[in-house]
Each structure stands twice: as structure tokens, then as C-alpha cells.
Amino acid sequence: MSNPFEELSERLLNIEKILFELNFRDNLQFKSSNSSHPLTVKEAAEFLNLAVPTIYSLVSKRKLPVNKRGNKLYFYEQELSEWVKTGRKKTLHEIDNTAFLTKGKSQVS
């Protein structure tokens, strides 16, 4: 017969795991439901891990997607994420593949 304390401990661990997973899912749903919520300058700076003056500088240079109402600036996480993705640098492997494909096309033509 197994130790009742071990069985109890195992059951508690399973309950903790289930509660953790439920809490994690709830947090994801909360974040995704608020993704259309506009961010302030400070929140955008925190989201991008940049200083607030850097945000203002990028906005003034029209490099950062922004919405403006009166004197207030608003940002959306989706647009900020896309902006970050557009700055992606290719890996050496991707550059080599592109060069290889381009070189092959010019010889075929």
C-alpha cells in the first residue's frame, strides 16, 4: 500500500499545476482582449523598453506609428509589434540564400 502522504502530496501538486495553467490562460485572454486598448506614451515606452523622450523623438521623425487626438498621443500594441518586426535584420544564412537565388536567376535569363 502506498504512503498516504505521498498520494496527498501528488494530488496537491496536480491541483497547483491545474490552477497555474488556468491562471496563465486567464492572463493571456485578458491581454488579448485588451490589445485594442490604446497605450499612452509611457506605456508605449515600457512596451518597447525605450525612454519616453525616445518615443517622442521617433514620433516627431514619423518613424513610429502613432494616433493623435488633440495633444494626446496613443499607440496600439499590434502596430508597435509590427514596427519592431520591420526592423528585423537577415541572418547570414538568409543573405546567402537570397544571393544564391538571385545569382541563379540572372544566369537563367
Protein backbone atom coordinates (compact mmCIF):
# COMPACT_ATOMS: atom_id res chain seq x y z
CA MET A 1 0.00 0.00 0.00
CA SER A 2 1.36 3.45 -0.90
CA ASN A 3 2.13 6.15 1.60
CA PRO A 4 -0.99 8.35 2.08
CA PHE A 5 1.17 11.45 2.48
CA GLU A 6 2.86 10.87 -0.88
CA GLU A 7 -0.52 10.42 -2.53
CA LEU A 8 -1.82 13.60 -0.91
CA SER A 9 1.31 15.49 -1.94
CA GLU A 10 0.95 14.28 -5.53
CA ARG A 11 -2.68 15.35 -5.64
CA LEU A 12 -1.78 18.81 -4.30
CA LEU A 13 0.91 19.19 -6.95
CA ASN A 14 -1.65 18.29 -9.63
CA ILE A 15 -4.10 20.85 -8.25
CA GLU A 16 -1.38 23.52 -8.20
CA LYS A 17 -0.47 22.71 -11.79
CA ILE A 18 -4.09 22.99 -12.93
CA LEU A 19 -4.57 26.29 -11.09
CA PHE A 20 -1.36 27.68 -12.58
CA GLU A 21 -2.44 26.72 -16.11
CA LEU A 22 -5.90 28.25 -15.61
CA ASN A 23 -4.37 31.47 -14.28
CA PHE A 24 -1.94 31.58 -17.22
CA ARG A 25 -4.79 31.16 -19.73
CA ASP A 26 -6.85 33.83 -18.00
CA ASN A 27 -3.91 36.26 -18.18
CA LEU A 28 -3.45 35.56 -21.89
CA GLN A 29 -7.14 36.11 -22.57
CA PHE A 30 -7.05 39.36 -20.58
CA LYS A 31 -4.05 40.62 -22.55
CA SER A 32 -5.52 39.64 -25.91
CA SER A 33 -8.88 41.23 -25.08
CA ASN A 34 -7.08 44.48 -24.16
CA SER A 35 -4.84 44.50 -27.24
CA SER A 36 -7.14 47.03 -28.92
CA HIS A 37 -6.82 49.31 -25.89
CA PRO A 38 -4.67 52.33 -26.78
CA LEU A 39 -1.42 52.83 -24.90
CA THR A 40 -0.14 56.11 -23.52
CA VAL A 41 3.35 57.39 -24.30
CA LYS A 42 4.63 55.98 -21.02
CA GLU A 43 3.01 52.58 -21.66
CA ALA A 44 4.40 52.50 -25.21
CA ALA A 45 7.85 53.29 -23.85
CA GLU A 46 7.54 50.44 -21.35
CA PHE A 47 6.23 48.09 -24.05
CA LEU A 48 9.18 48.88 -26.34
CA ASN A 49 11.66 49.17 -23.48
CA LEU A 50 12.60 52.69 -24.61
CA ALA A 51 12.79 56.02 -22.80
CA VAL A 52 9.83 58.39 -23.10
CA PRO A 53 11.97 61.08 -24.85
CA THR A 54 12.99 58.44 -27.42
CA ILE A 55 9.31 57.77 -28.12
CA TYR A 56 8.70 61.49 -28.70
CA SER A 57 11.77 61.67 -30.95
CA LEU A 58 10.65 58.70 -33.07
CA VAL A 59 7.15 60.18 -33.35
CA SER A 60 8.50 63.58 -34.43
CA LYS A 61 10.62 61.87 -37.12
CA ARG A 62 7.50 59.95 -38.20
CA LYS A 63 9.26 56.64 -37.63
CA LEU A 64 6.85 55.23 -35.05
CA PRO A 65 3.14 54.51 -35.75
CA VAL A 66 1.03 56.83 -33.64
CA ASN A 67 -2.53 58.10 -33.31
CA LYS A 68 -3.13 61.64 -32.17
CA ARG A 69 -6.23 63.23 -30.64
CA GLY A 70 -5.71 66.83 -29.68
CA ASN A 71 -2.41 66.97 -27.82
CA LYS A 72 -2.53 63.31 -26.77
CA LEU A 73 -0.60 60.51 -28.44
CA TYR A 74 -1.93 56.96 -28.49
CA PHE A 75 -0.28 53.73 -29.57
CA TYR A 76 -1.51 50.19 -30.21
CA GLU A 77 0.50 47.12 -29.23
CA GLN A 78 -0.17 45.41 -32.57
CA GLU A 79 1.21 48.39 -34.53
CA LEU A 80 4.22 48.69 -32.22
CA SER A 81 4.95 44.98 -32.58
CA GLU A 82 4.75 45.25 -36.36
CA TRP A 83 7.08 48.26 -36.25
CA VAL A 84 9.63 46.24 -34.29
CA LYS A 85 9.33 43.34 -36.75
CA THR A 86 10.06 45.62 -39.73
CA GLY A 87 13.49 46.32 -38.25
CA ARG A 88 14.48 42.66 -38.41
CA LYS A 89 17.92 42.01 -39.83
CA LYS A 90 18.50 38.98 -42.04
CA THR A 91 20.80 36.23 -40.83
CA LEU A 92 23.92 35.38 -42.82
CA HIS A 93 22.20 32.19 -43.95
CA GLU A 94 19.22 34.16 -45.30
CA ILE A 95 21.53 36.59 -47.09
CA ASP A 96 23.49 33.71 -48.64
CA ASN A 97 20.24 32.04 -49.79
CA THR A 98 18.99 35.30 -51.31
CA ALA A 99 22.31 35.85 -53.09
CA PHE A 100 22.30 32.27 -54.36
CA LEU A 101 18.72 32.55 -55.67
CA THR A 102 19.44 35.92 -57.30
CA LYS A 103 22.63 34.65 -58.89
CA GLY A 104 20.80 31.61 -60.24
CA LYS A 105 18.01 33.74 -61.78
CA SER A 106 20.41 36.03 -63.64
CA GLN A 107 22.14 33.04 -65.24
CA VAL A 108 18.83 31.50 -66.32
CA SER A 109 17.56 34.66 -68.04
